[in-house]
Amino acid sequence: MSSPKTLLEMSGASLIPSALSQSVIISIDCQNEYVNGGIALPDITPALEEAARVLAAGRKAGTPILHIAHRGRAGGAFDPDGPRGQIVDLVRPEGDEAVIWKPLPNAFANTDLHQALQKIGRKELILIGFQTHMCVSSTARAALDLGYRCTIVDKASGTRDLPIPGGGVISAPDLHRASLAALADRFAIIAPTAADLPV
């Protein structure tokens, strides 16, 4: 029996990650809620450290960077006016890097992200952030519909344990890997680390 292949492989599409010189980095929901809030993620520190390396590489290459932040309700998760809603210091915006607040998992929904990308004029996106199965996934899937090509940096993203319908738990590492496998079928190229992004 032959080894399984992704739809991208079957179509002959390039599997090379997007180059920093041709892309826009989209940093998704790197907020304190996931560090010390009600939705703290396991092993988030290494993921944030890798995200910081992606941002540093992008800044060195002159890559445009857009930061996405989830806007929650006042006093609750992702409160935009409280500490839990703020972007983690390690990956905070620098200079004129814009922050786009979103109300839904998909960063394109009810935001001006698409318009901002059109002004920049690049169709390749490098995604980092949280959570892999939720906001990263929904943004990558929507990006395809809008004509973008996505690369997701594996070690610069992550998720949490989830209950399995019918019983049991899928661990955060397994859910992360499964989410990336699903996205790699058609929606994104997966780069292991910042060092795997071409300049």
N, C-alpha and C. Protein backbone atom coordinates (compact mmCIF):
# COMPACT_ATOMS: atom_id res chain seq x y z
N MET A 1 0.86 -1.20 0.00
CA MET A 1 0.00 0.00 0.00
C MET A 1 0.89 1.24 0.00
N SER A 2 0.57 2.20 -0.85
CA SER A 2 1.38 3.40 -0.97
C SER A 2 1.18 4.30 0.24
N SER A 3 2.18 5.13 0.50
CA SER A 3 2.09 6.08 1.62
C SER A 3 1.07 7.16 1.28
N PRO A 4 0.32 7.61 2.28
CA PRO A 4 -0.66 8.66 2.01
C PRO A 4 0.02 9.96 1.59
N LYS A 5 -0.66 10.71 0.75
CA LYS A 5 -0.15 12.00 0.29
C LYS A 5 -1.20 13.07 0.52
N THR A 6 -0.72 14.30 0.71
CA THR A 6 -1.65 15.42 0.84
C THR A 6 -2.18 15.81 -0.53
N LEU A 7 -3.27 16.53 -0.54
CA LEU A 7 -3.80 17.04 -1.81
C LEU A 7 -2.81 17.97 -2.47
N LEU A 8 -2.06 18.73 -1.65
CA LEU A 8 -1.05 19.61 -2.23
C LEU A 8 0.03 18.80 -2.95
N GLU A 9 0.46 17.69 -2.34
CA GLU A 9 1.45 16.83 -2.99
C GLU A 9 0.89 16.25 -4.28
N MET A 10 -0.34 15.78 -4.24
CA MET A 10 -0.95 15.16 -5.42
C MET A 10 -1.11 16.15 -6.56
N SER A 11 -1.30 17.41 -6.21
CA SER A 11 -1.50 18.43 -7.25
C SER A 11 -0.18 18.95 -7.81
N GLY A 12 0.93 18.58 -7.17
CA GLY A 12 2.23 19.07 -7.62
C GLY A 12 2.56 20.47 -7.14
N ALA A 13 1.81 20.96 -6.16
CA ALA A 13 2.06 22.30 -5.64
C ALA A 13 3.39 22.34 -4.90
N SER A 14 4.00 23.51 -4.87
CA SER A 14 5.25 23.68 -4.12
C SER A 14 4.99 23.50 -2.63
N LEU A 15 5.87 22.75 -1.98
CA LEU A 15 5.76 22.54 -0.54
C LEU A 15 6.82 23.33 0.22
N ILE A 16 7.48 24.24 -0.48
CA ILE A 16 8.50 25.08 0.16
C ILE A 16 7.81 26.18 0.95
N PRO A 17 8.19 26.39 2.22
CA PRO A 17 7.57 27.45 3.02
C PRO A 17 7.74 28.83 2.37
N SER A 18 6.83 29.71 2.66
CA SER A 18 6.90 31.07 2.12
C SER A 18 8.17 31.77 2.58
N ALA A 19 8.75 32.55 1.70
CA ALA A 19 9.96 33.30 2.01
C ALA A 19 9.60 34.59 2.75
N LEU A 20 10.41 34.95 3.71
CA LEU A 20 10.18 36.18 4.47
C LEU A 20 10.12 37.39 3.56
N SER A 21 10.93 37.40 2.52
CA SER A 21 11.00 38.56 1.62
C SER A 21 9.76 38.72 0.75
N GLN A 22 8.89 37.69 0.73
CA GLN A 22 7.69 37.74 -0.11
C GLN A 22 6.40 37.67 0.70
N SER A 23 6.51 37.70 2.01
CA SER A 23 5.36 37.38 2.87
C SER A 23 4.99 38.51 3.82
N VAL A 24 3.88 38.28 4.49
CA VAL A 24 3.46 39.06 5.65
C VAL A 24 3.34 38.09 6.82
N ILE A 25 3.93 38.44 7.96
CA ILE A 25 3.78 37.61 9.15
C ILE A 25 2.50 38.01 9.87
N ILE A 26 1.67 37.03 10.19
CA ILE A 26 0.44 37.26 10.94
C ILE A 26 0.60 36.55 12.29
N SER A 27 0.71 37.33 13.35
CA SER A 27 0.85 36.80 14.71
C SER A 27 -0.53 36.79 15.36
N ILE A 28 -1.04 35.60 15.65
CA ILE A 28 -2.44 35.44 16.05
C ILE A 28 -2.59 35.18 17.55
N ASP A 29 -3.26 36.07 18.24
CA ASP A 29 -3.71 35.86 19.62
C ASP A 29 -2.59 35.47 20.59
N CYS A 30 -1.45 36.09 20.47
CA CYS A 30 -0.36 35.83 21.42
C CYS A 30 -0.59 36.69 22.66
N GLN A 31 -1.66 36.39 23.36
CA GLN A 31 -2.14 37.22 24.47
C GLN A 31 -1.97 36.53 25.82
N ASN A 32 -1.95 37.34 26.85
CA ASN A 32 -1.72 36.83 28.21
C ASN A 32 -2.78 35.84 28.66
N GLU A 33 -3.96 35.87 28.06
CA GLU A 33 -5.00 34.90 28.40
C GLU A 33 -4.48 33.47 28.31
N TYR A 34 -3.60 33.23 27.34
CA TYR A 34 -3.07 31.89 27.13
C TYR A 34 -1.85 31.59 28.01
N VAL A 35 -1.36 32.61 28.69
CA VAL A 35 -0.19 32.41 29.56
C VAL A 35 -0.62 32.20 31.01
N ASN A 36 -1.42 33.12 31.52
CA ASN A 36 -1.82 33.04 32.93
C ASN A 36 -3.29 33.36 33.14
N GLY A 37 -4.09 33.26 32.09
CA GLY A 37 -5.52 33.50 32.22
C GLY A 37 -6.29 32.20 32.37
N GLY A 38 -7.56 32.27 32.11
CA GLY A 38 -8.42 31.11 32.28
C GLY A 38 -8.23 30.03 31.23
N ILE A 39 -7.50 30.37 30.14
CA ILE A 39 -7.26 29.39 29.08
C ILE A 39 -5.75 29.19 28.91
N ALA A 40 -5.05 29.11 30.01
CA ALA A 40 -3.59 28.92 29.93
C ALA A 40 -3.26 27.63 29.19
N LEU A 41 -2.33 27.72 28.25
CA LEU A 41 -1.97 26.58 27.42
C LEU A 41 -0.73 25.87 27.96
N PRO A 42 -0.67 24.55 27.85
CA PRO A 42 0.54 23.84 28.26
C PRO A 42 1.68 24.14 27.30
N ASP A 43 2.87 24.24 27.84
CA ASP A 43 4.07 24.43 27.01
C ASP A 43 3.99 25.66 26.12
N ILE A 44 3.34 26.72 26.62
CA ILE A 44 3.23 27.91 25.78
C ILE A 44 4.54 28.68 25.69
N THR A 45 5.37 28.59 26.73
CA THR A 45 6.61 29.37 26.73
C THR A 45 7.52 29.04 25.55
N PRO A 46 7.79 27.75 25.26
CA PRO A 46 8.61 27.47 24.08
C PRO A 46 7.98 27.96 22.78
N ALA A 47 6.66 27.89 22.68
CA ALA A 47 5.99 28.37 21.47
C ALA A 47 6.14 29.88 21.32
N LEU A 48 6.01 30.61 22.42
CA LEU A 48 6.20 32.06 22.37
C LEU A 48 7.64 32.42 22.04
N GLU A 49 8.57 31.66 22.57
CA GLU A 49 9.98 31.91 22.27
C GLU A 49 10.26 31.69 20.78
N GLU A 50 9.64 30.66 20.20
CA GLU A 50 9.81 30.43 18.76
C GLU A 50 9.11 31.51 17.96
N ALA A 51 7.94 31.94 18.43
CA ALA A 51 7.24 33.05 17.76
C ALA A 51 8.11 34.30 17.76
N ALA A 52 8.79 34.55 18.87
CA ALA A 52 9.69 35.70 18.94
C ALA A 52 10.82 35.59 17.92
N ARG A 53 11.30 34.36 17.69
CA ARG A 53 12.35 34.16 16.69
C ARG A 53 11.81 34.41 15.28
N VAL A 54 10.57 34.02 15.03
CA VAL A 54 9.97 34.31 13.73
C VAL A 54 9.87 35.82 13.52
N LEU A 55 9.40 36.52 14.54
CA LEU A 55 9.27 37.98 14.43
C LEU A 55 10.63 38.64 14.24
N ALA A 56 11.63 38.16 14.96
CA ALA A 56 12.96 38.74 14.82
C ALA A 56 13.51 38.53 13.42
N ALA A 57 13.30 37.33 12.88
CA ALA A 57 13.76 37.05 11.52
C ALA A 57 13.03 37.93 10.52
N GLY A 58 11.72 38.11 10.74
CA GLY A 58 10.95 38.96 9.86
C GLY A 58 11.39 40.41 9.91
N ARG A 59 11.64 40.91 11.10
CA ARG A 59 12.10 42.30 11.22
C ARG A 59 13.44 42.49 10.54
N LYS A 60 14.32 41.52 10.68
CA LYS A 60 15.63 41.60 10.04
C LYS A 60 15.49 41.61 8.52
N ALA A 61 14.51 40.85 8.00
CA ALA A 61 14.30 40.75 6.56
C ALA A 61 13.40 41.86 6.01
N GLY A 62 12.86 42.69 6.90
CA GLY A 62 11.95 43.74 6.45
C GLY A 62 10.56 43.26 6.12
N THR A 63 10.18 42.11 6.68
CA THR A 63 8.87 41.53 6.43
C THR A 63 7.78 42.32 7.15
N PRO A 64 6.71 42.73 6.49
CA PRO A 64 5.60 43.36 7.21
C PRO A 64 5.01 42.40 8.24
N ILE A 65 4.64 42.94 9.40
CA ILE A 65 4.09 42.13 10.49
C ILE A 65 2.77 42.74 10.95
N LEU A 66 1.75 41.89 11.04
CA LEU A 66 0.45 42.30 11.58
C LEU A 66 0.15 41.43 12.78
N HIS A 67 -0.29 42.05 13.86
CA HIS A 67 -0.63 41.33 15.09
C HIS A 67 -2.15 41.26 15.21
N ILE A 68 -2.66 40.06 15.42
CA ILE A 68 -4.09 39.85 15.63
C ILE A 68 -4.32 39.62 17.12
N ALA A 69 -5.32 40.27 17.66
CA ALA A 69 -5.66 40.07 19.07
C ALA A 69 -7.16 39.83 19.20
N HIS A 70 -7.53 38.84 20.00
CA HIS A 70 -8.95 38.55 20.19
C HIS A 70 -9.55 39.52 21.19
N ARG A 71 -10.69 40.09 20.83
CA ARG A 71 -11.38 41.05 21.69
C ARG A 71 -12.51 40.33 22.43
N GLY A 72 -12.31 40.12 23.74
CA GLY A 72 -13.34 39.50 24.55
C GLY A 72 -14.21 40.53 25.24
N ARG A 73 -14.99 40.05 26.20
CA ARG A 73 -15.88 40.94 26.93
C ARG A 73 -15.16 41.56 28.13
N ALA A 74 -15.61 42.73 28.52
CA ALA A 74 -15.03 43.41 29.67
C ALA A 74 -15.12 42.52 30.90
N GLY A 75 -13.99 42.35 31.59
CA GLY A 75 -13.95 41.55 32.80
C GLY A 75 -13.81 40.06 32.56
N GLY A 76 -13.86 39.63 31.31
CA GLY A 76 -13.78 38.20 31.01
C GLY A 76 -12.52 37.85 30.26
N ALA A 77 -12.55 36.69 29.60
CA ALA A 77 -11.41 36.25 28.82
C ALA A 77 -11.11 37.24 27.69
N PHE A 78 -9.84 37.51 27.47
CA PHE A 78 -9.38 38.41 26.41
C PHE A 78 -9.95 39.82 26.54
N ASP A 79 -10.19 40.26 27.77
CA ASP A 79 -10.65 41.63 28.00
C ASP A 79 -9.63 42.59 27.39
N PRO A 80 -10.01 43.37 26.37
CA PRO A 80 -9.04 44.23 25.70
C PRO A 80 -8.48 45.34 26.59
N ASP A 81 -9.20 45.65 27.66
CA ASP A 81 -8.74 46.71 28.56
C ASP A 81 -8.07 46.16 29.82
N GLY A 82 -7.99 44.83 29.94
CA GLY A 82 -7.38 44.20 31.09
C GLY A 82 -6.08 43.51 30.72
N PRO A 83 -5.34 43.07 31.71
CA PRO A 83 -4.04 42.44 31.44
C PRO A 83 -4.15 41.15 30.63
N ARG A 84 -5.24 40.40 30.79
CA ARG A 84 -5.35 39.12 30.08
C ARG A 84 -5.53 39.31 28.58
N GLY A 85 -6.00 40.45 28.16
CA GLY A 85 -6.19 40.70 26.73
C GLY A 85 -4.99 41.28 26.02
N GLN A 86 -3.95 41.61 26.78
CA GLN A 86 -2.79 42.26 26.17
C GLN A 86 -1.85 41.24 25.51
N ILE A 87 -1.16 41.68 24.48
CA ILE A 87 -0.19 40.84 23.80
C ILE A 87 1.01 40.62 24.72
N VAL A 88 1.49 39.39 24.76
CA VAL A 88 2.61 39.02 25.63
C VAL A 88 3.84 39.87 25.28
N ASP A 89 4.52 40.35 26.31
CA ASP A 89 5.67 41.25 26.11
C ASP A 89 6.71 40.66 25.16
N LEU A 90 6.94 39.36 25.25
CA LEU A 90 7.98 38.72 24.44
C LEU A 90 7.73 38.89 22.95
N VAL A 91 6.47 39.03 22.56
CA VAL A 91 6.12 39.12 21.13
C VAL A 91 5.29 40.37 20.84
N ARG A 92 5.46 41.38 21.66
CA ARG A 92 4.67 42.61 21.49
C ARG A 92 5.05 43.33 20.19
N PRO A 93 4.12 44.12 19.66
CA PRO A 93 4.42 44.88 18.43
C PRO A 93 5.55 45.88 18.66
N GLU A 94 6.28 46.11 17.60
CA GLU A 94 7.34 47.12 17.62
C GLU A 94 7.11 48.11 16.48
N GLY A 95 7.57 49.34 16.70
CA GLY A 95 7.47 50.36 15.65
C GLY A 95 6.06 50.59 15.19
N ASP A 96 5.86 50.49 13.87
CA ASP A 96 4.53 50.76 13.30
C ASP A 96 3.74 49.50 13.00
N GLU A 97 4.10 48.38 13.64
CA GLU A 97 3.37 47.13 13.44
C GLU A 97 1.95 47.26 14.00
N ALA A 98 0.96 47.04 13.17
CA ALA A 98 -0.43 47.25 13.55
C ALA A 98 -0.99 46.08 14.34
N VAL A 99 -1.94 46.39 15.22
CA VAL A 99 -2.72 45.39 15.94
C VAL A 99 -4.15 45.44 15.41
N ILE A 100 -4.65 44.30 14.96
CA ILE A 100 -6.01 44.20 14.46
C ILE A 100 -6.81 43.35 15.44
N TRP A 101 -7.86 43.92 16.01
CA TRP A 101 -8.69 43.21 16.99
C TRP A 101 -9.80 42.47 16.26
N LYS A 102 -10.00 41.22 16.66
CA LYS A 102 -11.02 40.39 16.01
C LYS A 102 -12.05 39.90 17.03
N PRO A 103 -13.31 39.72 16.59
CA PRO A 103 -14.35 39.22 17.48
C PRO A 103 -14.61 37.72 17.34
N LEU A 104 -14.05 37.09 16.31
CA LEU A 104 -14.34 35.69 15.99
C LEU A 104 -13.03 34.94 15.75
N PRO A 105 -13.07 33.61 15.72
CA PRO A 105 -11.83 32.87 15.50
C PRO A 105 -11.11 33.23 14.19
N ASN A 106 -11.83 33.35 13.11
CA ASN A 106 -11.26 33.70 11.81
C ASN A 106 -10.82 35.17 11.83
N ALA A 107 -9.54 35.42 11.66
CA ALA A 107 -9.02 36.78 11.75
C ALA A 107 -9.48 37.69 10.62
N PHE A 108 -10.07 37.10 9.57
CA PHE A 108 -10.60 37.92 8.48
C PHE A 108 -12.05 38.35 8.74
N ALA A 109 -12.75 37.68 9.66
CA ALA A 109 -14.18 37.94 9.88
C ALA A 109 -14.39 39.21 10.69
N ASN A 110 -15.12 40.14 10.10
CA ASN A 110 -15.46 41.40 10.77
C ASN A 110 -14.23 42.20 11.20
N THR A 111 -13.16 42.11 10.38
CA THR A 111 -11.96 42.92 10.61
C THR A 111 -11.53 43.50 9.27
N ASP A 112 -10.49 44.35 9.33
CA ASP A 112 -9.94 44.91 8.09
C ASP A 112 -8.63 44.24 7.69
N LEU A 113 -8.44 42.99 8.13
CA LEU A 113 -7.21 42.28 7.79
C LEU A 113 -7.02 42.15 6.28
N HIS A 114 -8.05 41.74 5.59
CA HIS A 114 -7.94 41.57 4.13
C HIS A 114 -7.56 42.89 3.47
N GLN A 115 -8.18 43.98 3.90
CA GLN A 115 -7.87 45.29 3.33
C GLN A 115 -6.43 45.69 3.63
N ALA A 116 -5.98 45.41 4.86
CA ALA A 116 -4.60 45.74 5.22
C ALA A 116 -3.61 44.96 4.36
N LEU A 117 -3.91 43.69 4.11
CA LEU A 117 -3.03 42.88 3.27
C LEU A 117 -3.04 43.35 1.82
N GLN A 118 -4.20 43.78 1.35
CA GLN A 118 -4.27 44.30 -0.01
C GLN A 118 -3.41 45.54 -0.18
N LYS A 119 -3.37 46.38 0.84
CA LYS A 119 -2.52 47.59 0.79
C LYS A 119 -1.04 47.20 0.76
N ILE A 120 -0.69 46.17 1.51
CA ILE A 120 0.71 45.72 1.51
C ILE A 120 1.06 45.10 0.17
N GLY A 121 0.12 44.36 -0.41
CA GLY A 121 0.30 43.83 -1.75
C GLY A 121 1.01 42.49 -1.83
N ARG A 122 1.00 41.73 -0.74
CA ARG A 122 1.62 40.40 -0.75
C ARG A 122 0.56 39.34 -0.53
N LYS A 123 0.73 38.18 -1.22
CA LYS A 123 -0.26 37.12 -1.14
C LYS A 123 0.22 35.91 -0.35
N GLU A 124 1.42 35.98 0.22
CA GLU A 124 1.96 34.89 1.03
C GLU A 124 1.92 35.29 2.50
N LEU A 125 1.39 34.41 3.34
CA LEU A 125 1.24 34.70 4.76
C LEU A 125 1.99 33.66 5.58
N ILE A 126 2.66 34.12 6.62
CA ILE A 126 3.31 33.24 7.59
C ILE A 126 2.55 33.39 8.90
N LEU A 127 1.91 32.31 9.35
CA LEU A 127 1.07 32.36 10.54
C LEU A 127 1.79 31.76 11.74
N ILE A 128 1.69 32.46 12.88
CA ILE A 128 2.15 31.96 14.16
C ILE A 128 1.08 32.29 15.19
N GLY A 129 1.09 31.57 16.32
CA GLY A 129 0.16 31.92 17.38
C GLY A 129 -0.75 30.80 17.82
N PHE A 130 -1.91 31.18 18.33
CA PHE A 130 -2.76 30.26 19.09
C PHE A 130 -4.23 30.47 18.75
N GLN A 131 -5.07 29.46 18.95
CA GLN A 131 -4.73 28.07 19.14
C GLN A 131 -4.72 27.39 17.79
N THR A 132 -3.90 26.36 17.65
CA THR A 132 -3.74 25.71 16.36
C THR A 132 -5.07 25.24 15.78
N HIS A 133 -5.89 24.60 16.60
CA HIS A 133 -7.12 24.00 16.07
C HIS A 133 -8.23 25.03 15.88
N MET A 134 -8.06 26.22 16.42
CA MET A 134 -9.14 27.20 16.45
C MET A 134 -8.82 28.40 15.55
N CYS A 135 -8.19 29.41 16.09
CA CYS A 135 -7.99 30.66 15.35
C CYS A 135 -6.95 30.55 14.25
N VAL A 136 -5.89 29.77 14.48
CA VAL A 136 -4.90 29.58 13.42
C VAL A 136 -5.54 28.81 12.26
N SER A 137 -6.24 27.74 12.58
CA SER A 137 -6.89 26.92 11.55
C SER A 137 -7.94 27.71 10.78
N SER A 138 -8.82 28.39 11.48
CA SER A 138 -9.90 29.09 10.78
C SER A 138 -9.36 30.24 9.93
N THR A 139 -8.27 30.87 10.37
CA THR A 139 -7.67 31.95 9.59
C THR A 139 -7.01 31.39 8.33
N ALA A 140 -6.29 30.28 8.47
CA ALA A 140 -5.64 29.68 7.31
C ALA A 140 -6.66 29.22 6.28
N ARG A 141 -7.75 28.64 6.74
CA ARG A 141 -8.78 28.16 5.82
C ARG A 141 -9.46 29.33 5.09
N ALA A 142 -9.73 30.40 5.82
CA ALA A 142 -10.33 31.58 5.18
C ALA A 142 -9.36 32.24 4.21
N ALA A 143 -8.07 32.20 4.56
CA ALA A 143 -7.06 32.82 3.70
C ALA A 143 -7.05 32.17 2.31
N LEU A 144 -7.20 30.85 2.27
CA LEU A 144 -7.24 30.16 0.97
C LEU A 144 -8.39 30.68 0.13
N ASP A 145 -9.54 30.87 0.74
CA ASP A 145 -10.71 31.36 0.01
C ASP A 145 -10.47 32.74 -0.58
N LEU A 146 -9.60 33.51 0.07
CA LEU A 146 -9.32 34.87 -0.37
C LEU A 146 -8.10 34.96 -1.29
N GLY A 147 -7.53 33.80 -1.63
CA GLY A 147 -6.43 33.80 -2.59
C GLY A 147 -5.04 33.89 -2.01
N TYR A 148 -4.90 33.66 -0.70
CA TYR A 148 -3.59 33.72 -0.07
C TYR A 148 -2.98 32.32 0.04
N ARG A 149 -1.67 32.28 0.11
CA ARG A 149 -0.93 31.04 0.37
C ARG A 149 -0.34 31.15 1.77
N CYS A 150 -0.61 30.16 2.61
CA CYS A 150 -0.20 30.22 4.01
C CYS A 150 0.92 29.24 4.33
N THR A 151 1.81 29.69 5.20
CA THR A 151 2.78 28.84 5.86
C THR A 151 2.53 28.98 7.36
N ILE A 152 2.48 27.88 8.08
CA ILE A 152 2.32 27.90 9.53
C ILE A 152 3.61 27.37 10.16
N VAL A 153 4.12 28.07 11.16
CA VAL A 153 5.33 27.63 11.84
C VAL A 153 4.93 26.74 13.01
N ASP A 154 5.24 25.47 12.89
CA ASP A 154 4.84 24.45 13.86
C ASP A 154 5.18 24.84 15.30
N LYS A 155 6.44 25.09 15.57
CA LYS A 155 6.89 25.31 16.95
C LYS A 155 6.51 26.67 17.49
N ALA A 156 5.95 27.54 16.64
CA ALA A 156 5.52 28.87 17.07
C ALA A 156 4.01 28.94 17.23
N SER A 157 3.39 27.79 17.41
CA SER A 157 1.94 27.73 17.64
C SER A 157 1.65 26.59 18.60
N GLY A 158 0.42 26.52 19.07
CA GLY A 158 0.07 25.47 20.03
C GLY A 158 -1.39 25.53 20.40
N THR A 159 -1.80 24.57 21.22
CA THR A 159 -3.20 24.49 21.62
C THR A 159 -3.31 23.84 23.00
N ARG A 160 -4.51 23.34 23.36
CA ARG A 160 -4.73 22.78 24.69
C ARG A 160 -5.40 21.42 24.59
N ASP A 161 -5.44 20.69 25.71
CA ASP A 161 -6.18 19.44 25.75
C ASP A 161 -7.67 19.71 25.51
N LEU A 162 -8.33 18.77 24.83
CA LEU A 162 -9.77 18.90 24.61
C LEU A 162 -10.48 17.58 24.90
N PRO A 163 -11.72 17.65 25.42
CA PRO A 163 -12.49 16.42 25.58
C PRO A 163 -12.90 15.87 24.22
N ILE A 164 -12.91 14.56 24.11
CA ILE A 164 -13.34 13.90 22.88
C ILE A 164 -14.83 13.56 23.01
N PRO A 165 -15.66 13.93 22.05
CA PRO A 165 -17.06 13.56 22.13
C PRO A 165 -17.21 12.05 22.30
N GLY A 166 -17.98 11.65 23.29
CA GLY A 166 -18.15 10.23 23.58
C GLY A 166 -17.24 9.71 24.66
N GLY A 167 -16.27 10.54 25.08
CA GLY A 167 -15.40 10.14 26.17
C GLY A 167 -13.92 10.21 25.83
N GLY A 168 -13.14 10.50 26.83
CA GLY A 168 -11.71 10.59 26.64
C GLY A 168 -11.23 12.00 26.41
N VAL A 169 -9.91 12.14 26.26
CA VAL A 169 -9.28 13.44 26.07
C VAL A 169 -8.22 13.31 24.99
N ILE A 170 -8.16 14.28 24.11
CA ILE A 170 -7.04 14.37 23.18
C ILE A 170 -6.07 15.39 23.73
N SER A 171 -4.82 15.01 23.85
CA SER A 171 -3.82 15.88 24.46
C SER A 171 -3.47 17.03 23.53
N ALA A 172 -2.98 18.11 24.13
CA ALA A 172 -2.59 19.28 23.35
C ALA A 172 -1.58 18.94 22.25
N PRO A 173 -0.52 18.16 22.54
CA PRO A 173 0.42 17.84 21.46
C PRO A 173 -0.22 17.05 20.33
N ASP A 174 -1.10 16.09 20.68
CA ASP A 174 -1.76 15.30 19.64
C ASP A 174 -2.74 16.15 18.82
N LEU A 175 -3.47 17.02 19.49
CA LEU A 175 -4.40 17.89 18.78
C LEU A 175 -3.65 18.85 17.87
N HIS A 176 -2.53 19.38 18.37
CA HIS A 176 -1.71 20.28 17.57
C HIS A 176 -1.23 19.58 16.30
N ARG A 177 -0.70 18.36 16.45
CA ARG A 177 -0.19 17.62 15.29
C ARG A 177 -1.31 17.26 14.32
N ALA A 178 -2.46 16.87 14.85
CA ALA A 178 -3.60 16.52 14.00
C ALA A 178 -4.11 17.75 13.25
N SER A 179 -4.14 18.88 13.93
CA SER A 179 -4.61 20.12 13.29
C SER A 179 -3.67 20.51 12.15
N LEU A 180 -2.36 20.42 12.41
CA LEU A 180 -1.40 20.76 11.36
C LEU A 180 -1.48 19.78 10.19
N ALA A 181 -1.70 18.50 10.50
CA ALA A 181 -1.84 17.51 9.42
C ALA A 181 -3.04 17.82 8.54
N ALA A 182 -4.15 18.21 9.16
CA ALA A 182 -5.34 18.56 8.39
C ALA A 182 -5.10 19.80 7.54
N LEU A 183 -4.44 20.78 8.11
CA LEU A 183 -4.16 22.01 7.36
C LEU A 183 -3.17 21.76 6.23
N ALA A 184 -2.19 20.88 6.47
CA ALA A 184 -1.17 20.60 5.46
C ALA A 184 -1.75 19.86 4.25
N ASP A 185 -2.92 19.27 4.41
CA ASP A 185 -3.54 18.56 3.28
C ASP A 185 -3.83 19.52 2.13
N ARG A 186 -4.33 20.73 2.46
CA ARG A 186 -4.74 21.66 1.40
C ARG A 186 -4.51 23.13 1.73
N PHE A 187 -4.47 23.48 3.01
CA PHE A 187 -4.58 24.89 3.38
C PHE A 187 -3.27 25.59 3.71
N ALA A 188 -2.21 24.85 4.01
CA ALA A 188 -0.98 25.51 4.44
C ALA A 188 0.23 24.61 4.27
N ILE A 189 1.37 25.25 4.13
CA ILE A 189 2.66 24.58 4.21
C ILE A 189 3.09 24.68 5.67
N ILE A 190 3.67 23.62 6.20
CA ILE A 190 4.10 23.63 7.60
C ILE A 190 5.63 23.74 7.65
N ALA A 191 6.12 24.80 8.28
CA ALA A 191 7.55 24.98 8.52
C ALA A 191 7.83 24.61 9.97
N PRO A 192 8.77 23.73 10.24
CA PRO A 192 9.00 23.31 11.62
C PRO A 192 9.35 24.46 12.57
N THR A 193 10.29 25.32 12.16
CA THR A 193 10.76 26.39 13.03
C THR A 193 11.02 27.65 12.23
N ALA A 194 11.38 28.71 12.93
CA ALA A 194 11.74 29.98 12.26
C ALA A 194 12.90 29.78 11.30
N ALA A 195 13.84 28.91 11.68
CA ALA A 195 15.03 28.68 10.87
C ALA A 195 14.70 28.02 9.53
N ASP A 196 13.50 27.45 9.41
CA ASP A 196 13.10 26.79 8.16
C ASP A 196 12.40 27.73 7.18
N LEU A 197 12.28 29.00 7.54
CA LEU A 197 11.66 29.97 6.64
C LEU A 197 12.73 30.56 5.71
N PRO A 198 12.58 30.41 4.42
CA PRO A 198 13.55 31.03 3.51
C PRO A 198 13.52 32.56 3.66
N VAL A 199 14.65 33.15 3.45
CA VAL A 199 14.73 34.62 3.50
C VAL A 199 14.33 35.21 2.14
